[in-house]
Amino acid sequence: MVKALLSVLLVLVAVSSSLAKPEKTATKKEKRVPQTLSRGWGDQLIWAQTYEEALYWARSKNKPLMVIFHLEECPHSQAMKKVFAEDKEIQKLADEDFILLNLVYETTDKHLSPDGQYVPRIIFVDPSMTVRADITGRYANRMYAYEPSDAKLLLSNMQKAKKFLKTEL
């Protein structure tokens, strides 16, 4: 009787250990990083989900809105994202003084594409919901485009965006 119980116990242990092994290998497969609203532009920053939400936050918190248009598969967007995410000054200013929104699609607001739809494109909107057409990058044909080498210009433009066009809301 004892021999039979030991045999059954041994078989159960062998079967359960063999069943457990595939689960361990299954968890070793590629781990997916969950997608956040930052999309890699600054995971510690607070990002708005939609343009409408961002406008509401900008108005209610009296902060300028920074809208970043980009595409995940665009090499220019990827390069700009890397510079933006790694620049401590840009991240600090963005965190403290801006409402942030990054979009991988166009909005219905044509004011956000005054000179065309291209990426990467960064546009500032003040709390009075005025698109800051006066804050541009260095290109005449793509006025709101920024490249990785334009980090200092972007930082300077962020400082300009803090000074509102219209002080009354």
Protein backbone atom coordinates (compact mmCIF):
# COMPACT_ATOMS: atom_id res chain seq x y z
CA MET A 1 0.00 0.00 0.00
CA VAL A 2 2.79 2.40 0.92
CA LYS A 3 4.65 1.47 -2.28
CA ALA A 4 1.55 2.20 -4.36
CA LEU A 5 1.02 5.58 -2.68
CA LEU A 6 4.68 6.50 -3.19
CA SER A 7 4.43 5.49 -6.85
CA VAL A 8 1.31 7.62 -7.36
CA LEU A 9 2.92 10.53 -5.53
CA LEU A 10 6.08 10.23 -7.64
CA VAL A 11 4.02 10.18 -10.85
CA LEU A 12 2.02 13.25 -9.73
CA VAL A 13 5.22 15.16 -8.92
CA ALA A 14 6.76 14.23 -12.28
CA VAL A 15 3.63 15.23 -14.20
CA SER A 16 3.17 18.53 -12.35
CA SER A 17 6.81 19.51 -12.77
CA SER A 18 6.72 18.73 -16.50
CA LEU A 19 3.55 20.82 -16.87
CA ALA A 20 5.13 23.75 -15.04
CA LYS A 21 8.17 23.93 -17.33
CA PRO A 22 6.37 25.23 -20.46
CA GLU A 23 4.86 28.09 -18.45
CA LYS A 24 8.31 29.26 -17.41
CA THR A 25 9.54 29.33 -20.99
CA ALA A 26 6.35 31.13 -22.04
CA THR A 27 7.09 33.98 -19.63
CA LYS A 28 10.62 34.31 -21.02
CA LYS A 29 9.25 35.40 -24.40
CA GLU A 30 9.64 39.02 -25.46
CA LYS A 31 8.12 41.33 -22.87
CA ARG A 32 6.07 44.14 -24.37
CA VAL A 33 6.39 47.54 -22.81
CA PRO A 34 2.92 49.01 -22.27
CA GLN A 35 2.11 51.95 -24.53
CA THR A 36 1.75 55.22 -22.62
CA LEU A 37 0.46 58.58 -23.76
CA SER A 38 4.05 59.82 -23.87
CA ARG A 39 4.92 57.45 -26.74
CA GLY A 40 8.54 57.85 -25.64
CA TRP A 41 8.64 61.66 -25.53
CA GLY A 42 8.93 61.74 -21.73
CA ASP A 43 7.36 59.00 -19.65
CA GLN A 44 7.49 61.04 -16.43
CA LEU A 45 5.53 63.92 -18.02
CA ILE A 46 1.75 64.24 -17.89
CA TRP A 47 0.27 64.01 -21.38
CA ALA A 48 -3.24 64.90 -22.51
CA GLN A 49 -5.15 62.20 -24.33
CA THR A 50 -6.95 64.33 -26.91
CA TYR A 51 -6.69 67.81 -28.41
CA GLU A 52 -9.95 68.82 -26.76
CA GLU A 53 -8.73 67.66 -23.35
CA ALA A 54 -5.43 69.50 -23.86
CA LEU A 55 -7.25 72.74 -24.72
CA TYR A 56 -9.39 72.38 -21.59
CA TRP A 57 -6.31 71.83 -19.40
CA ALA A 58 -4.47 74.77 -21.01
CA ARG A 59 -7.38 77.10 -20.34
CA SER A 60 -8.17 75.87 -16.83
CA LYS A 61 -4.53 75.72 -15.66
CA ASN A 62 -3.52 78.88 -17.57
CA LYS A 63 -0.58 77.15 -19.23
CA PRO A 64 0.47 77.06 -22.89
CA LEU A 65 -0.18 73.90 -24.86
CA MET A 66 2.61 72.20 -26.81
CA VAL A 67 1.32 69.94 -29.59
CA ILE A 68 3.82 67.50 -31.10
CA PHE A 69 2.84 65.84 -34.37
CA HIS A 70 4.92 62.78 -35.24
CA LEU A 71 4.80 59.28 -36.69
CA GLU A 72 6.17 56.17 -35.00
CA GLU A 73 7.85 54.87 -38.17
CA CYS A 74 9.33 58.23 -39.27
CA PRO A 75 13.11 58.40 -38.75
CA HIS A 76 13.00 62.20 -38.31
CA SER A 77 10.30 61.86 -35.63
CA GLN A 78 12.30 59.13 -33.89
CA ALA A 79 15.45 61.26 -33.84
CA MET A 80 13.58 64.31 -32.50
CA LYS A 81 11.84 62.16 -29.88
CA LYS A 82 15.21 60.89 -28.62
CA VAL A 83 16.60 64.42 -28.25
CA PHE A 84 13.39 65.71 -26.62
CA ALA A 85 13.26 62.83 -24.12
CA GLU A 86 16.95 63.05 -23.19
CA ASP A 87 17.26 66.84 -22.85
CA LYS A 88 16.85 67.58 -19.13
CA GLU A 89 16.12 71.30 -19.65
CA ILE A 90 13.38 70.62 -22.19
CA GLN A 91 11.86 67.92 -19.97
CA LYS A 92 11.93 70.19 -16.89
CA LEU A 93 10.33 73.13 -18.71
CA ALA A 94 7.74 70.86 -20.32
CA ASP A 95 6.88 69.33 -16.95
CA GLU A 96 6.55 72.60 -15.05
CA ASP A 97 5.10 75.05 -17.55
CA PHE A 98 3.23 73.24 -20.35
CA ILE A 99 0.22 71.14 -21.15
CA LEU A 100 1.53 68.43 -23.46
CA LEU A 101 -0.05 66.50 -26.29
CA ASN A 102 1.62 64.30 -28.86
CA LEU A 103 -0.34 63.07 -31.82
CA VAL A 104 0.32 60.43 -34.45
CA TYR A 105 -2.68 61.64 -36.45
CA GLU A 106 -3.94 65.00 -37.68
CA THR A 107 -6.67 66.91 -35.86
CA THR A 108 -9.67 68.51 -37.50
CA ASP A 109 -8.41 71.95 -36.39
CA LYS A 110 -6.83 73.45 -39.51
CA HIS A 111 -5.07 76.07 -37.36
CA LEU A 112 -2.66 73.32 -36.30
CA SER A 113 -1.44 72.82 -39.85
CA PRO A 114 -1.07 76.38 -41.18
CA ASP A 115 1.70 75.43 -43.62
CA GLY A 116 0.86 71.79 -44.28
CA GLN A 117 0.79 68.42 -42.61
CA TYR A 118 4.30 67.12 -42.01
CA VAL A 119 6.19 65.51 -39.15
CA PRO A 120 7.77 66.15 -36.78
CA ARG A 121 5.91 69.40 -36.19
CA ILE A 122 5.63 71.28 -32.89
CA ILE A 123 3.02 73.99 -32.45
CA PHE A 124 2.28 76.10 -29.39
CA VAL A 125 -1.20 77.24 -28.35
CA ASP A 126 -1.70 79.76 -25.56
CA PRO A 127 -4.49 79.46 -22.95
CA SER A 128 -6.70 81.86 -24.93
CA MET A 129 -6.69 79.10 -27.59
CA THR A 130 -4.58 81.20 -29.96
CA VAL A 131 -2.17 79.20 -32.10
CA ARG A 132 1.24 80.85 -31.76
CA ALA A 133 2.11 81.38 -35.42
CA ASP A 134 4.94 83.66 -34.27
CA ILE A 135 6.87 80.75 -32.71
CA THR A 136 8.51 78.85 -35.54
CA GLY A 137 11.47 76.62 -36.30
CA ARG A 138 14.30 77.55 -38.65
CA TYR A 139 12.78 76.50 -41.97
CA ALA A 140 10.75 78.78 -44.25
CA ASN A 141 9.01 75.92 -46.06
CA ARG A 142 8.23 73.86 -42.92
CA MET A 143 7.86 76.57 -40.31
CA TYR A 144 7.05 74.33 -37.32
CA ALA A 145 9.55 71.55 -38.06
CA TYR A 146 12.39 70.81 -35.67
CA GLU A 147 15.39 68.55 -36.10
CA PRO A 148 17.59 67.02 -33.38
CA SER A 149 20.14 69.81 -33.88
CA ASP A 150 17.38 72.35 -33.08
CA ALA A 151 17.11 71.46 -29.37
CA LYS A 152 18.35 74.91 -28.25
CA LEU A 153 15.92 76.63 -30.62
CA LEU A 154 13.07 74.51 -29.28
CA LEU A 155 14.04 75.40 -25.71
CA SER A 156 14.13 79.10 -26.66
CA ASN A 157 10.72 78.79 -28.35
CA MET A 158 9.32 77.09 -25.25
CA GLN A 159 10.47 80.12 -23.23
CA LYS A 160 8.72 82.42 -25.73
CA ALA A 161 5.53 80.36 -25.54
CA LYS A 162 5.35 80.99 -21.79
CA LYS A 163 4.74 84.67 -22.54
CA PHE A 164 1.12 84.74 -23.68
CA LEU A 165 -0.14 86.74 -26.64
CA LYS A 166 -3.37 87.59 -24.86
CA THR A 167 -3.27 88.02 -21.11
CA GLU A 168 -7.04 88.18 -20.66
CA LEU A 169 -9.02 84.97 -20.96
